[in-house]
Protein backbone atom coordinates (compact mmCIF):
# COMPACT_ATOMS: atom_id res chain seq x y z
CA MET A 1 -4.38 -28.29 83.24
CA GLU A 2 -1.43 -27.58 80.99
CA LYS A 3 -1.80 -24.55 78.84
CA SER A 4 0.89 -22.77 77.01
CA SER A 5 0.65 -19.93 74.61
CA HIS A 6 2.97 -18.24 72.19
CA PHE A 7 3.76 -14.63 72.86
CA GLY A 8 6.14 -12.78 70.64
CA GLY A 9 7.45 -16.02 69.15
CA MET A 10 8.37 -17.51 72.53
CA ALA A 11 6.43 -20.26 74.31
CA ALA A 12 4.98 -19.13 77.63
CA MET A 13 5.27 -21.19 80.81
CA PRO A 14 2.36 -23.55 81.43
CA ASP A 15 -0.15 -22.31 83.97
CA PRO A 16 0.86 -23.17 87.53
CA GLU A 17 -0.94 -26.05 89.21
CA VAL A 18 -2.89 -24.50 92.08
CA VAL A 19 -4.70 -26.37 94.85
CA LEU A 20 -6.90 -24.59 97.37
CA TYR A 21 -7.47 -26.57 100.56
CA THR A 22 -10.77 -25.35 101.92
CA ARG A 23 -13.88 -26.26 103.88
CA GLN A 24 -17.59 -25.46 103.70
CA GLY A 25 -18.60 -22.08 105.13
CA CYS A 26 -15.06 -20.66 105.25
CA HIS A 27 -15.22 -16.98 104.29
CA LEU A 28 -11.41 -16.72 104.18
CA CYS A 29 -11.43 -19.60 101.68
CA ASP A 30 -13.91 -17.68 99.53
CA ASP A 31 -11.66 -14.61 99.72
CA ALA A 32 -8.58 -16.67 98.77
CA LYS A 33 -10.35 -18.17 95.76
CA ALA A 34 -11.49 -14.72 94.59
CA ILE A 35 -7.91 -13.40 94.78
CA LEU A 36 -6.53 -16.38 92.88
CA VAL A 37 -9.15 -16.05 90.16
CA ARG A 38 -8.45 -12.31 89.91
CA TYR A 39 -4.84 -13.25 89.05
CA GLY A 40 -5.97 -15.74 86.41
CA LEU A 41 -5.50 -18.84 88.56
CA PHE A 42 -8.25 -21.41 88.75
CA PRO A 43 -7.48 -23.68 91.68
CA ARG A 44 -8.56 -27.25 92.18
CA GLU A 45 -10.52 -27.09 95.42
CA VAL A 46 -10.09 -29.81 98.05
CA ASP A 47 -12.43 -29.91 101.05
CA ILE A 48 -10.19 -30.90 103.97
CA ASP A 49 -13.15 -32.25 105.93
CA THR A 50 -13.53 -35.10 103.42
CA VAL A 51 -10.02 -36.49 104.06
CA ALA A 52 -9.00 -37.22 107.67
CA ASP A 53 -5.27 -36.66 107.05
CA LEU A 54 -5.89 -33.28 105.46
CA ARG A 55 -8.28 -32.26 108.24
CA SER A 56 -5.66 -33.04 110.90
CA GLN A 57 -2.93 -31.31 108.88
CA TYR A 58 -4.79 -28.13 107.91
CA ASN A 59 -7.68 -27.87 110.41
CA GLU A 60 -6.69 -24.50 111.88
CA CYS A 61 -4.95 -23.16 108.76
CA VAL A 62 -7.54 -23.00 105.96
CA PRO A 63 -7.39 -21.71 103.42
CA VAL A 64 -4.13 -23.28 102.33
CA VAL A 65 -2.87 -22.53 98.84
CA GLU A 66 -0.43 -24.85 97.13
CA ILE A 67 1.24 -23.69 93.93
CA ASP A 68 3.17 -26.18 91.83
CA GLY A 69 3.30 -28.62 94.75
CA GLN A 70 4.54 -26.15 97.35
CA VAL A 71 2.40 -24.62 100.12
CA ARG A 72 2.64 -20.87 99.63
CA PHE A 73 -0.16 -19.44 101.76
CA ARG A 74 -1.98 -20.39 104.97
CA GLY A 75 -4.91 -18.42 106.35
CA ARG A 76 -4.76 -15.57 103.87
CA VAL A 77 -3.30 -14.92 100.44
CA ASP A 78 -0.75 -12.11 100.44
CA GLU A 79 -1.33 -10.45 97.07
CA ARG A 80 2.09 -8.81 97.01
CA LEU A 81 3.80 -12.19 97.47
CA LEU A 82 1.45 -13.81 94.94
CA ARG A 83 2.45 -11.20 92.33
CA ARG A 84 6.15 -11.89 93.06
CA LEU A 85 5.63 -15.65 92.75
CA LEU A 86 3.83 -15.31 89.44
CA HIS A 87 6.35 -12.82 88.08
CA ALA A 88 9.24 -15.14 89.01
CA ARG A 89 7.77 -17.96 86.94
């Protein structure tokens, strides 16, 4: 999802690509998604239990949040770090 907007005559950065690796019934995953949405991020959700490689890679770590192709959070989203990451863009 590439969006850009003009603000004060300057083009804004496109929205970051966010992937939330999750699984059914994971309350921490629900919390992570709520935090991301609160910051205007709408992640593509991937259920790790539907892909064997992802399940073996992230089984004990969900939720895992990937932003622009880089894993940034495992287990919980640190809001302070998320703000820094978004501000740095």
